[in-house]
C-alpha atoms as a PDB file:
ATOM      1  CA  MET A   1      86.879   1.239 -51.044  1.00  0.00           C
ATOM      2  CA  GLU A   2      83.704   0.231 -52.844  1.00  0.00           C
ATOM      3  CA  ASP A   3      82.472  -3.012 -53.316  1.00  0.00           C
ATOM      4  CA  LYS A   4      82.758  -3.941 -56.776  1.00  0.00           C
ATOM      5  CA  ASP A   5      79.463  -5.620 -56.534  1.00  0.00           C
ATOM      6  CA  SER A   6      77.790  -2.390 -54.986  1.00  0.00           C
ATOM      7  CA  LYS A   7      79.743  -0.264 -57.701  1.00  0.00           C
ATOM      8  CA  SER A   8      77.824  -2.260 -60.289  1.00  0.00           C
ATOM      9  CA  ILE A   9      74.285  -2.996 -59.504  1.00  0.00           C
ATOM     10  CA  TRP A  10      74.661   1.002 -58.780  1.00  0.00           C
ATOM     11  CA  GLN A  11      75.882   2.054 -62.511  1.00  0.00           C
ATOM     12  CA  ARG A  12      73.210  -0.530 -63.496  1.00  0.00           C
ATOM     13  CA  MET A  13      70.886   1.699 -62.222  1.00  0.00           C
ATOM     14  CA  LYS A  14      72.164   4.958 -63.970  1.00  0.00           C
ATOM     15  CA  GLN A  15      72.410   3.077 -67.292  1.00  0.00           C
ATOM     16  CA  HIS A  16      68.423   1.513 -66.411  1.00  0.00           C
ATOM     17  CA  PRO A  17      66.498   4.626 -63.751  1.00  0.00           C
ATOM     18  CA  VAL A  18      62.613   3.147 -65.037  1.00  0.00           C
ATOM     19  CA  ILE A  19      62.999  -0.383 -64.318  1.00  0.00           C
ATOM     20  CA  SER A  20      65.896   0.069 -61.030  1.00  0.00           C
ATOM     21  CA  VAL A  21      62.978   2.502 -59.761  1.00  0.00           C
ATOM     22  CA  GLY A  22      59.945  -0.832 -59.933  1.00  0.00           C
ATOM     23  CA  ALA A  23      62.222  -2.780 -58.795  1.00  0.00           C
ATOM     24  CA  LEU A  24      62.991  -0.252 -55.539  1.00  0.00           C
ATOM     25  CA  LEU A  25      58.925   0.008 -55.613  1.00  0.00           C
ATOM     26  CA  ALA A  26      57.951  -3.426 -55.651  1.00  0.00           C
ATOM     27  CA  VAL A  27      60.850  -4.514 -52.514  1.00  0.00           C
ATOM     28  CA  VAL A  28      58.911  -1.231 -50.761  1.00  0.00           C
ATOM     29  CA  LEU A  29      55.040  -3.713 -52.323  1.00  0.00           C
ATOM     30  CA  VAL A  30      55.937  -7.159 -50.278  1.00  0.00           C
ATOM     31  CA  GLY A  31      57.546  -4.957 -47.034  1.00  0.00           C
ATOM     32  CA  ALA A  32      54.101  -3.065 -46.876  1.00  0.00           C
ATOM     33  CA  ILE A  33      52.167  -6.861 -47.610  1.00  0.00           C
ATOM     34  CA  LEU A  34      54.192  -8.359 -44.593  1.00  0.00           C
ATOM     35  CA  ILE A  35      53.724  -5.690 -41.935  1.00  0.00           C
ATOM     36  CA  GLY A  36      50.088  -5.989 -42.484  1.00  0.00           C
ATOM     37  CA  MET A  37      50.130  -9.645 -42.642  1.00  0.00           C
ATOM     38  CA  PHE A  38      51.513  -9.283 -39.022  1.00  0.00           C
ATOM     39  CA  ALA A  39      49.627  -5.256 -37.550  1.00  0.00           C
ATOM     40  CA  SER A  40      45.884  -7.770 -39.272  1.00  0.00           C
ATOM     41  CA  LYS A  41      46.071 -10.829 -36.511  1.00  0.00           C
ATOM     42  CA  PRO A  42      43.297  -9.688 -34.035  1.00  0.00           C
ATOM     43  CA  ALA A  43      44.492  -8.823 -30.452  1.00  0.00           C
ATOM     44  CA  LYS A  44      43.374 -10.452 -27.644  1.00  0.00           C
ATOM     45  CA  ALA A  45      40.187  -9.986 -26.175  1.00  0.00           C
ATOM     46  CA  ALA A  46      39.800  -6.884 -23.500  1.00  0.00           C
ATOM     47  CA  SER A  47      37.473  -8.050 -20.648  1.00  0.00           C
ATOM     48  CA  VAL A  48      34.618  -6.732 -19.748  1.00  0.00           C
ATOM     49  CA  THR A  49      32.400  -6.400 -16.812  1.00  0.00           C
ATOM     50  CA  PHE A  50      28.548  -5.358 -17.039  1.00  0.00           C
ATOM     51  CA  ASN A  51      26.129  -4.463 -13.878  1.00  0.00           C
ATOM     52  CA  ASN A  52      22.912  -4.210 -14.077  1.00  0.00           C
ATOM     53  CA  ALA A  53      21.122  -4.290 -10.922  1.00  0.00           C
ATOM     54  CA  LEU A  54      17.823  -6.255 -13.318  1.00  0.00           C
ATOM     55  CA  CYS A  55      20.649  -8.724 -15.166  1.00  0.00           C
ATOM     56  CA  VAL A  56      21.766 -11.841 -12.921  1.00  0.00           C
ATOM     57  CA  ALA A  57      24.024 -12.477 -15.669  1.00  0.00           C
ATOM     58  CA  PHE A  58      24.774 -11.976 -19.491  1.00  0.00           C
ATOM     59  CA  THR A  59      24.658 -14.308 -22.854  1.00  0.00           C
ATOM     60  CA  TRP A  60      26.766 -13.407 -26.192  1.00  0.00           C
ATOM     61  CA  ASP A  61      26.232 -15.026 -29.338  1.00  0.00           C
ATOM     62  CA  ASP A  62      28.911 -14.512 -31.815  1.00  0.00           C
ATOM     63  CA  THR A  63      26.205 -15.894 -34.779  1.00  0.00           C
ATOM     64  CA  THR A  64      24.584 -12.602 -34.098  1.00  0.00           C
ATOM     65  CA  LYS A  65      26.555 -10.566 -32.237  1.00  0.00           C
ATOM     66  CA  THR A  66      23.697  -9.821 -29.638  1.00  0.00           C
ATOM     67  CA  LEU A  67      24.504  -9.560 -25.601  1.00  0.00           C
ATOM     68  CA  THR A  68      21.532 -11.050 -23.728  1.00  0.00           C
ATOM     69  CA  CYS A  69      20.511 -10.108 -19.915  1.00  0.00           C
ATOM     70  CA  VAL A  70      19.345 -13.323 -17.816  1.00  0.00           C
ATOM     71  CA  PRO A  71      16.829 -11.146 -15.392  1.00  0.00           C
ATOM     72  CA  VAL A  72      17.230 -11.917 -12.082  1.00  0.00           C
ATOM     73  CA  LEU A  73      14.223 -13.941 -10.675  1.00  0.00           C
ATOM     74  CA  GLN A  74      11.274 -11.538  -9.041  1.00  0.00           C
ATOM     75  CA  PRO A  75       9.417 -13.090  -6.100  1.00  0.00           C
ATOM     76  CA  THR A  76       5.435 -13.618  -6.757  1.00  0.00           C
ATOM     77  CA  PRO A  77       3.961 -10.672  -5.889  1.00  0.00           C
ATOM     78  CA  VAL A  78       1.556 -10.636  -3.220  1.00  0.00           C
ATOM     79  CA  PRO A  79      -2.183 -10.637  -4.412  1.00  0.00           C
ATOM     80  CA  PRO A  80      -3.807  -7.741  -2.659  1.00  0.00           C
ATOM     81  CA  ASP A  81      -6.134  -7.222  -0.313  1.00  0.00           C
ATOM     82  CA  PRO A  82     -10.027  -7.889  -1.758  1.00  0.00           C
ATOM     83  CA  PRO A  83     -12.047  -4.603  -1.949  1.00  0.00           C
ATOM     84  CA  VAL A  84     -14.626  -3.933   1.186  1.00  0.00           C
ATOM     85  CA  PRO A  85     -17.452  -4.131   0.439  1.00  0.00           C
ATOM     86  CA  PRO A  86     -19.293  -0.859   0.728  1.00  0.00           C
ATOM     87  CA  VAL A  87     -22.012  -0.643   3.161  1.00  0.00           C
ATOM     88  CA  THR A  88     -25.697  -0.778   1.948  1.00  0.00           C
ATOM     89  CA  ASP A  89     -27.936   2.514   3.061  1.00  0.00           C
ATOM     90  CA  CYS A  90     -29.544   0.873   6.317  1.00  0.00           C
ATOM     91  CA  PRO A  91     -32.457  -1.223   6.657  1.00  0.00           C
ATOM     92  CA  ALA A  92     -36.081   1.071   6.745  1.00  0.00           C
ATOM     93  CA  ASN A  93     -36.191  -0.221   9.808  1.00  0.00           C
ATOM     94  CA  THR A  94     -33.568   0.629  11.077  1.00  0.00           C
ATOM     95  CA  LEU A  95     -33.951   3.098  14.686  1.00  0.00           C
ATOM     96  CA  TRP A  96     -32.179   6.376  14.304  1.00  0.00           C
ATOM     97  CA  VAL A  97     -31.054   8.355  16.913  1.00  0.00           C
ATOM     98  CA  LYS A  98     -29.943  11.358  15.669  1.00  0.00           C
ATOM     99  CA  GLY A  99     -29.578  15.283  16.570  1.00  0.00           C
ATOM    100  CA  LYS A 100     -28.480  14.647  20.777  1.00  0.00           C
ATOM    101  CA  TRP A 101     -25.102  15.670  20.704  1.00  0.00           C
ATOM    102  CA  GLY A 102     -24.409  16.903  24.483  1.00  0.00           C
ATOM    103  CA  ALA A 103     -27.128  15.637  25.468  1.00  0.00           C
ATOM    104  CA  ASN A 104     -27.447  13.566  29.088  1.00  0.00           C
ATOM    105  CA  GLN A 105     -30.738  11.594  28.818  1.00  0.00           C
ATOM    106  CA  ILE A 106     -31.537  10.272  25.833  1.00  0.00           C
ATOM    107  CA  TYR A 107     -34.709   7.129  25.628  1.00  0.00           C
ATOM    108  CA  THR A 108     -34.887   5.762  22.322  1.00  0.00           C
ATOM    109  CA  ARG A 109     -38.685   4.677  23.193  1.00  0.00           C
ATOM    110  CA  ASP A 110     -38.833   8.404  22.086  1.00  0.00           C
ATOM    111  CA  PHE A 111     -37.482   7.831  18.444  1.00  0.00           C
ATOM    112  CA  PRO A 112     -39.495   5.956  15.232  1.00  0.00           C
ATOM    113  CA  ASN A 113     -39.227   2.728  14.934  1.00  0.00           C
ATOM    114  CA  GLN A 114     -39.030   1.880  18.683  1.00  0.00           C
ATOM    115  CA  PRO A 115     -39.593  -0.023  20.234  1.00  0.00           C
ATOM    116  CA  PHE A 116     -35.593  -1.740  20.114  1.00  0.00           C
ATOM    117  CA  LYS A 117     -35.733  -5.326  19.014  1.00  0.00           C
ATOM    118  CA  ASP A 118     -34.135  -6.991  16.625  1.00  0.00           C
ATOM    119  CA  GLN A 119     -33.549  -4.031  14.229  1.00  0.00           C
ATOM    120  CA  TRP A 120     -30.307  -1.469  14.092  1.00  0.00           C
ATOM    121  CA  LEU A 121     -29.911   0.947  16.866  1.00  0.00           C
ATOM    122  CA  VAL A 122     -27.680   3.301  15.392  1.00  0.00           C
ATOM    123  CA  ILE A 123     -26.530   6.317  17.847  1.00  0.00           C
ATOM    124  CA  GLU A 124     -25.566   9.621  15.582  1.00  0.00           C
ATOM    125  CA  VAL A 125     -22.230  11.081  17.384  1.00  0.00           C
ATOM    126  CA  LYS A 126     -21.717  14.610  15.667  1.00  0.00           C
ATOM    127  CA  PRO A 127     -19.262  16.501  17.523  1.00  0.00           C
ATOM    128  CA  PRO A 128     -20.081  20.180  15.742  1.00  0.00           C
ATOM    129  CA  VAL A 129     -16.930  22.466  14.238  1.00  0.00           C
ATOM    130  CA  GLY A 130     -15.270  24.212  16.403  1.00  0.00           C
ATOM    131  CA  TRP A 131     -15.564  21.546  19.008  1.00  0.00           C
ATOM    132  CA  SER A 132     -12.282  20.696  20.818  1.00  0.00           C
ATOM    133  CA  ASN A 133     -11.658  18.762  24.017  1.00  0.00           C
ATOM    134  CA  ASN A 134      -7.898  17.994  24.780  1.00  0.00           C
ATOM    135  CA  TYR A 135      -8.410  17.088  28.549  1.00  0.00           C
ATOM    136  CA  SER A 136     -10.674  13.856  30.263  1.00  0.00           C
ATOM    137  CA  PRO A 137     -12.616  11.666  28.020  1.00  0.00           C
ATOM    138  CA  LYS A 138     -16.476  11.712  27.417  1.00  0.00           C
ATOM    139  CA  SER A 139     -18.002   8.675  27.054  1.00  0.00           C
ATOM    140  CA  SER A 140     -21.545   8.084  25.565  1.00  0.00           C
ATOM    141  CA  SER A 141     -22.821   4.899  27.927  1.00  0.00           C
ATOM    142  CA  TRP A 142     -26.439   2.878  27.735  1.00  0.00           C
ATOM    143  CA  VAL A 143     -28.438   0.085  29.135  1.00  0.00           C
ATOM    144  CA  GLU A 144     -31.701  -1.273  29.450  1.00  0.00           C
ATOM    145  CA  TYR A 145     -34.494   1.614  30.790  1.00  0.00           C
ATOM    146  CA  GLN A 146     -37.777  -0.223  31.999  1.00  0.00           C
ATOM    147  CA  ASP A 147     -37.647  -2.789  29.507  1.00  0.00           C
ATOM    148  CA  ASN A 148     -36.569  -5.947  29.331  1.00  0.00           C
ATOM    149  CA  ALA A 149     -33.084  -6.264  29.220  1.00  0.00           C
ATOM    150  CA  ALA A 150     -31.180  -7.994  27.044  1.00  0.00           C
ATOM    151  CA  PRO A 151     -26.907  -8.430  25.652  1.00  0.00           C
ATOM    152  CA  ARG A 152     -26.233  -6.195  23.246  1.00  0.00           C
ATOM    153  CA  ARG A 153     -23.555  -6.036  20.287  1.00  0.00           C
ATOM    154  CA  SER A 154     -21.877  -2.010  19.166  1.00  0.00           C
ATOM    155  CA  MET A 155     -19.250  -1.185  17.498  1.00  0.00           C
ATOM    156  CA  PHE A 156     -18.436   2.805  17.680  1.00  0.00           C
ATOM    157  CA  SER A 157     -18.202   3.201  13.637  1.00  0.00           C
ATOM    158  CA  THR A 158     -17.275   5.715  10.909  1.00  0.00           C
ATOM    159  CA  LYS A 159     -20.116   3.916   9.144  1.00  0.00           C
ATOM    160  CA  PRO A 160     -23.718   3.015   9.968  1.00  0.00           C
ATOM    161  CA  CYS A 161     -25.347  -0.432  10.434  1.00  0.00           C
ATOM    162  CA  THR A 162     -21.999  -2.093  10.323  1.00  0.00           C
ATOM    163  CA  PHE A 163     -19.892  -4.265  12.520  1.00  0.00           C
ATOM    164  CA  ALA A 164     -17.093  -4.075  10.238  1.00  0.00           C
ATOM    165  CA  GLN A 165     -13.637  -3.866  11.749  1.00  0.00           C
ATOM    166  CA  THR A 166     -12.582  -1.998   8.927  1.00  0.00           C
ATOM    167  CA  TYR A 167     -14.319   1.489   9.577  1.00  0.00           C
ATOM    168  CA  ALA A 168     -14.702   0.438  13.710  1.00  0.00           C
ATOM    169  CA  LEU A 169     -12.969   3.617  15.743  1.00  0.00           C
ATOM    170  CA  ARG A 170      -9.342   2.537  17.385  1.00  0.00           C
ATOM    171  CA  THR A 171      -8.236   3.815  20.686  1.00  0.00           C
ATOM    172  CA  GLY A 172      -4.555   5.256  21.065  1.00  0.00           C
ATOM    173  CA  ASN A 173      -3.032   1.398  21.167  1.00  0.00           C
ATOM    174  CA  GLY A 174      -5.333   0.112  18.883  1.00  0.00           C
ATOM    175  CA  THR A 175      -7.730  -1.520  19.893  1.00  0.00           C
ATOM    176  CA  VAL A 176     -10.838  -1.720  17.774  1.00  0.00           C
ATOM    177  CA  MET A 177     -13.813  -0.175  19.711  1.00  0.00           C
ATOM    178  CA  TYR A 178     -16.355  -3.185  19.344  1.00  0.00           C
ATOM    179  CA  GLN A 179     -18.817  -4.568  22.374  1.00  0.00           C
ATOM    180  CA  ALA A 180     -20.085  -8.400  22.278  1.00  0.00           C
ATOM    181  CA  ASN A 181     -20.004  -9.537  25.996  1.00  0.00           C
ATOM    182  CA  ASN A 182     -22.465 -10.710  26.689  1.00  0.00           C
ATOM    183  CA  ASN A 183     -24.143  -7.680  28.754  1.00  0.00           C
ATOM    184  CA  ILE A 184     -27.256  -5.545  28.543  1.00  0.00           C
ATOM    185  CA  ASN A 185     -24.907  -2.292  28.298  1.00  0.00           C
ATOM    186  CA  PHE A 186     -21.896  -0.651  26.208  1.00  0.00           C
ATOM    187  CA  SER A 187     -19.649   2.542  26.350  1.00  0.00           C
ATOM    188  CA  PHE A 188     -17.634   3.779  23.991  1.00  0.00           C
ATOM    189  CA  ALA A 189     -15.127   6.848  24.738  1.00  0.00           C
ATOM    190  CA  TYR A 190     -13.827   9.782  22.856  1.00  0.00           C
ATOM    191  CA  LYS A 191     -12.196  13.391  22.951  1.00  0.00           C
ATOM    192  CA  SER A 192     -10.537  15.492  20.354  1.00  0.00           C
ATOM    193  CA  ALA A 193      -6.776  14.396  19.446  1.00  0.00           C
ATOM    194  CA  PRO A 194      -4.979  12.832  20.241  1.00  0.00           C
ATOM    195  CA  SER A 195      -6.865   9.520  21.419  1.00  0.00           C
ATOM    196  CA  THR A 196      -5.880   7.826  24.528  1.00  0.00           C
ATOM    197  CA  ALA A 197      -5.613   3.907  25.702  1.00  0.00           C
ATOM    198  CA  SER A 198      -8.970   3.434  26.212  1.00  0.00           C
ATOM    199  CA  SER A 199     -10.499   6.722  23.829  1.00  0.00           C
ATOM    200  CA  ALA A 200     -10.991   7.082  20.315  1.00  0.00           C
ATOM    201  CA  ALA A 201     -10.095  11.120  18.536  1.00  0.00           C
ATOM    202  CA  LEU A 202     -12.419  12.079  17.241  1.00  0.00           C
ATOM    203  CA  VAL A 203     -12.660  15.327  14.438  1.00  0.00           C
ATOM    204  CA  ALA A 204     -15.098  18.103  14.671  1.00  0.00           C
ATOM    205  CA  GLY A 205     -17.578  18.599  12.273  1.00  0.00           C
ATOM    206  CA  GLN A 206     -17.620  14.572  10.951  1.00  0.00           C
ATOM    207  CA  THR A 207     -20.492  12.277  12.377  1.00  0.00           C
ATOM    208  CA  TYR A 208     -19.452   9.140  13.999  1.00  0.00           C
ATOM    209  CA  TYR A 209     -22.238   6.577  14.570  1.00  0.00           C
ATOM    210  CA  ILE A 210     -22.390   3.864  17.693  1.00  0.00           C
ATOM    211  CA  ASN A 211     -23.796   0.979  15.802  1.00  0.00           C
ATOM    212  CA  ALA A 212     -26.129  -1.608  18.392  1.00  0.00           C
ATOM    213  CA  LYS A 213     -27.968  -4.722  18.446  1.00  0.00           C
ATOM    214  CA  ASN A 214     -29.431  -7.117  20.278  1.00  0.00           C
ATOM    215  CA  GLU A 215     -27.444  -9.726  20.368  1.00  0.00           C
ATOM    216  CA  TYR A 216     -25.682 -12.521  22.162  1.00  0.00           C
ATOM    217  CA  ALA A 217     -22.096 -12.750  21.391  1.00  0.00           C
ATOM    218  CA  ASP A 218     -22.526 -15.091  18.023  1.00  0.00           C
ATOM    219  CA  GLY A 219     -24.918 -13.173  16.875  1.00  0.00           C
ATOM    220  CA  THR A 220     -27.780 -15.031  18.411  1.00  0.00           C
ATOM    221  CA  PRO A 221     -31.286 -12.651  18.372  1.00  0.00           C
ATOM    222  CA  SER A 222     -31.649 -11.563  22.060  1.00  0.00           C
ATOM    223  CA  CYS A 223     -34.977  -9.591  22.398  1.00  0.00           C
ATOM    224  CA  ALA A 224     -38.213 -11.110  21.451  1.00  0.00           C
ATOM    225  CA  THR A 225     -39.910  -8.396  21.993  1.00  0.00           C
ATOM    226  CA  SER A 226     -39.531  -4.770  23.590  1.00  0.00           C
ATOM    227  CA  CYS A 227     -36.173  -3.900  24.743  1.00  0.00           C
ATOM    228  CA  ASN A 228     -35.778  -0.199  24.761  1.00  0.00           C
ATOM    229  CA  MET A 229     -32.574   1.649  26.427  1.00  0.00           C
ATOM    230  CA  SER A 230     -31.576   5.094  28.039  1.00  0.00           C
ATOM    231  CA  GLY A 231     -28.432   6.914  27.276  1.00  0.00           C
ATOM    232  CA  SER A 232     -26.336  10.080  26.995  1.00  0.00           C
ATOM    233  CA  ILE A 233     -23.555  11.447  24.044  1.00  0.00           C
ATOM    234  CA  PRO A 234     -21.421  14.096  26.228  1.00  0.00           C
ATOM    235  CA  ASN A 235     -20.172  16.873  25.059  1.00  0.00           C
END
């Protein structure tokens, strides 16, 4: 049995269809507004993690909507070593011993700018292309000969007229081939690769130099007049 009020509403709707449809649309509109109000509430922000090896943290500016990286503090860079000054040309009075690879008896008195006194003595050691010595090292040894004996400094080097260790040859265990022990003689051992604990490895076709001066270990001159030497460059 239908309720009287319900029956009355349906009868009125039949009598006034336009008004009834309008009322129904109003109800629907109100419902949509209410749903939109609840739906428009902001959801709880999700947690987001950023990982970056260059950033120790991030900061967020809500006004500008900007995410900023807080950089990791970098260590202070170590300054590079100063450049090694280039070796200048040897002085004009340098006593050069050249072209004697393989010679067993060499006299410094036989070369220009002798006698060997307070200038550089540069002994060229130049194994020719194709040379090889994988056996016992050879030694270029030098000592005073029929002249005044004097303490000497010497170095086996890739550059002439210098005692800079940057250019010094080294033995297989890294020892710099430099002698300044106030002896009147000096000697340096060499072979083709590999080097040994007491010898340097030479490359065929390249030029090396034994640089020497008549000086004490502290650099004080040790020869006042003439201090010629004799030696060899065995192959």
